[in-house]
């Protein structure tokens, strides 16, 4: 029986993540510094975010 290879998580740019969360892109920097969202800094300094992390934060925000 063959097993499926684990899928690579989708990575979102700052604007995509902000739109999904309903906030301004600059807000994400504060959330990263507070530890609310994990970002990955790219070599050029741009932040990227895992789709799973963004969706999990969105669930926490809108569940309240």
N, C-alpha and C. Protein backbone atom coordinates (compact mmCIF):
# COMPACT_ATOMS: atom_id res chain seq x y z
N UNK A 1 0.83 -1.16 0.00
CA UNK A 1 0.00 0.00 0.00
C UNK A 1 0.89 1.24 0.00
N UNK A 2 0.66 2.15 -0.93
CA UNK A 2 1.45 3.37 -1.04
C UNK A 2 0.86 4.45 -0.13
N UNK A 3 1.73 5.22 0.47
CA UNK A 3 1.28 6.33 1.30
C UNK A 3 1.53 7.62 0.57
N UNK A 4 0.67 8.57 0.78
CA UNK A 4 0.81 9.87 0.13
C UNK A 4 1.93 10.66 0.79
N UNK A 5 2.68 11.37 -0.04
CA UNK A 5 3.75 12.22 0.49
C UNK A 5 3.12 13.40 1.21
N UNK A 6 3.75 13.84 2.30
CA UNK A 6 3.20 14.99 3.00
C UNK A 6 3.20 16.21 2.08
N UNK A 7 2.13 16.98 2.15
CA UNK A 7 2.05 18.15 1.28
C UNK A 7 2.85 19.30 1.87
N UNK A 8 3.40 20.10 1.00
CA UNK A 8 4.15 21.28 1.41
C UNK A 8 3.16 22.37 1.79
N UNK A 9 3.35 23.00 2.94
CA UNK A 9 2.40 24.04 3.34
C UNK A 9 2.47 25.22 2.38
N UNK A 10 1.31 25.82 2.12
CA UNK A 10 1.26 26.99 1.26
C UNK A 10 1.79 28.19 2.04
N UNK A 11 2.59 28.99 1.38
CA UNK A 11 3.17 30.18 1.99
C UNK A 11 2.48 31.41 1.43
N UNK A 12 2.07 32.31 2.31
CA UNK A 12 1.36 33.52 1.91
C UNK A 12 2.26 34.75 2.06
N UNK A 13 2.13 35.66 1.12
CA UNK A 13 2.80 36.95 1.24
C UNK A 13 2.05 37.77 2.29
N UNK A 14 2.68 38.84 2.74
CA UNK A 14 2.10 39.67 3.80
C UNK A 14 0.71 40.20 3.43
N UNK A 15 0.55 40.69 2.22
CA UNK A 15 -0.74 41.21 1.79
C UNK A 15 -1.82 40.15 1.74
N UNK A 16 -1.46 38.95 1.29
CA UNK A 16 -2.42 37.84 1.24
C UNK A 16 -2.87 37.45 2.65
N UNK A 17 -1.88 37.36 3.56
CA UNK A 17 -2.19 36.98 4.94
C UNK A 17 -3.06 38.04 5.60
N UNK A 18 -2.74 39.31 5.38
CA UNK A 18 -3.50 40.40 5.98
C UNK A 18 -4.94 40.40 5.46
N UNK A 19 -5.11 40.18 4.18
CA UNK A 19 -6.45 40.15 3.60
C UNK A 19 -7.27 39.02 4.21
N UNK A 20 -6.64 37.87 4.38
CA UNK A 20 -7.33 36.72 4.96
C UNK A 20 -7.75 36.98 6.40
N UNK A 21 -6.94 37.78 7.11
CA UNK A 21 -7.23 38.10 8.51
C UNK A 21 -8.08 39.35 8.67
N UNK A 22 -8.25 40.11 7.59
CA UNK A 22 -9.06 41.33 7.65
C UNK A 22 -8.38 42.49 8.34
N UNK A 23 -7.05 42.56 8.22
CA UNK A 23 -6.28 43.64 8.85
C UNK A 23 -5.34 44.28 7.84
N UNK A 24 -4.76 45.41 8.22
CA UNK A 24 -3.77 46.08 7.38
C UNK A 24 -2.48 45.25 7.42
N UNK A 25 -1.75 45.17 6.32
CA UNK A 25 -0.51 44.39 6.30
C UNK A 25 0.49 44.78 7.39
N UNK A 26 0.56 46.06 7.75
CA UNK A 26 1.50 46.48 8.79
C UNK A 26 1.15 45.91 10.16
N UNK A 27 -0.10 45.56 10.37
CA UNK A 27 -0.54 44.98 11.64
C UNK A 27 0.16 43.65 11.91
N UNK A 28 0.47 42.93 10.85
CA UNK A 28 1.09 41.61 11.01
C UNK A 28 2.45 41.69 11.69
N UNK A 29 3.21 42.76 11.45
CA UNK A 29 4.51 42.90 12.10
C UNK A 29 4.37 42.94 13.62
N UNK A 30 3.36 43.66 14.09
CA UNK A 30 3.12 43.72 15.53
C UNK A 30 2.70 42.38 16.09
N UNK A 31 1.89 41.66 15.33
CA UNK A 31 1.45 40.35 15.78
C UNK A 31 2.60 39.36 15.84
N UNK A 32 3.53 39.49 14.90
CA UNK A 32 4.71 38.61 14.91
C UNK A 32 5.56 38.93 16.14
N UNK A 33 5.76 40.23 16.44
CA UNK A 33 6.59 40.60 17.59
C UNK A 33 5.94 40.19 18.91
N UNK A 34 4.61 40.10 18.95
CA UNK A 34 3.90 39.66 20.16
C UNK A 34 3.82 38.14 20.26
N UNK A 35 4.20 37.45 19.18
CA UNK A 35 4.16 36.00 19.19
C UNK A 35 2.81 35.42 18.81
N UNK A 36 1.90 36.24 18.31
CA UNK A 36 0.57 35.78 17.93
C UNK A 36 0.58 35.05 16.59
N UNK A 37 1.57 35.36 15.76
CA UNK A 37 1.68 34.77 14.43
C UNK A 37 3.15 34.57 14.13
N UNK A 38 3.48 33.42 13.60
CA UNK A 38 4.87 33.13 13.26
C UNK A 38 5.09 33.51 11.80
N UNK A 39 6.10 34.32 11.58
CA UNK A 39 6.46 34.71 10.23
C UNK A 39 7.83 34.17 9.86
N UNK A 40 8.07 34.05 8.59
CA UNK A 40 9.37 33.61 8.09
C UNK A 40 9.96 34.77 7.30
N UNK A 41 11.09 35.28 7.76
CA UNK A 41 11.71 36.39 7.06
C UNK A 41 12.54 35.86 5.89
N UNK A 42 12.26 36.39 4.73
CA UNK A 42 12.96 35.98 3.52
C UNK A 42 14.29 36.73 3.44
N UNK A 43 15.24 36.28 2.61
CA UNK A 43 16.54 36.94 2.51
C UNK A 43 16.45 38.44 2.22
N UNK A 44 15.46 38.88 1.47
CA UNK A 44 15.32 40.31 1.17
C UNK A 44 14.63 41.10 2.27
N UNK A 45 14.23 40.44 3.36
CA UNK A 45 13.60 41.11 4.48
C UNK A 45 12.08 41.01 4.49
N UNK A 46 11.48 40.53 3.41
CA UNK A 46 10.03 40.40 3.34
C UNK A 46 9.58 39.22 4.20
N UNK A 47 8.45 39.42 4.90
CA UNK A 47 7.90 38.36 5.73
C UNK A 47 6.91 37.53 4.93
N UNK A 48 6.93 36.25 5.18
CA UNK A 48 5.96 35.32 4.60
C UNK A 48 5.35 34.53 5.75
N UNK A 49 4.15 33.98 5.50
CA UNK A 49 3.40 33.31 6.55
C UNK A 49 2.83 32.00 6.04
N UNK A 50 2.87 30.97 6.87
CA UNK A 50 2.27 29.69 6.50
C UNK A 50 0.76 29.84 6.53
N UNK A 51 0.12 29.33 5.51
CA UNK A 51 -1.34 29.40 5.40
C UNK A 51 -2.01 28.79 6.62
N UNK A 52 -1.49 27.66 7.09
CA UNK A 52 -2.08 26.99 8.25
C UNK A 52 -2.03 27.89 9.50
N UNK A 53 -0.92 28.61 9.68
CA UNK A 53 -0.79 29.50 10.84
C UNK A 53 -1.77 30.67 10.75
N UNK A 54 -1.92 31.21 9.55
CA UNK A 54 -2.85 32.33 9.34
C UNK A 54 -4.29 31.87 9.59
N UNK A 55 -4.64 30.72 9.05
CA UNK A 55 -6.00 30.20 9.23
C UNK A 55 -6.29 29.88 10.70
N UNK A 56 -5.30 29.36 11.42
CA UNK A 56 -5.49 29.06 12.84
C UNK A 56 -5.71 30.34 13.64
N UNK A 57 -4.95 31.39 13.33
CA UNK A 57 -5.13 32.66 14.02
C UNK A 57 -6.49 33.25 13.69
N UNK A 58 -6.91 33.16 12.44
CA UNK A 58 -8.22 33.67 12.05
C UNK A 58 -9.33 32.97 12.84
N UNK A 59 -9.20 31.66 13.02
CA UNK A 59 -10.19 30.92 13.80
C UNK A 59 -10.24 31.42 15.24
N UNK A 60 -9.07 31.69 15.83
CA UNK A 60 -9.02 32.19 17.21
C UNK A 60 -9.62 33.58 17.32
N UNK A 61 -9.34 34.44 16.34
CA UNK A 61 -9.85 35.82 16.37
C UNK A 61 -11.37 35.84 16.27
N UNK A 62 -11.90 35.11 15.31
CA UNK A 62 -13.33 35.18 15.04
C UNK A 62 -14.16 34.21 15.86
N UNK A 63 -13.51 33.38 16.68
CA UNK A 63 -14.24 32.46 17.56
C UNK A 63 -14.74 33.19 18.80
N UNK A 64 -14.12 34.33 19.09
CA UNK A 64 -14.48 35.07 20.32
C UNK A 64 -15.74 35.86 20.16
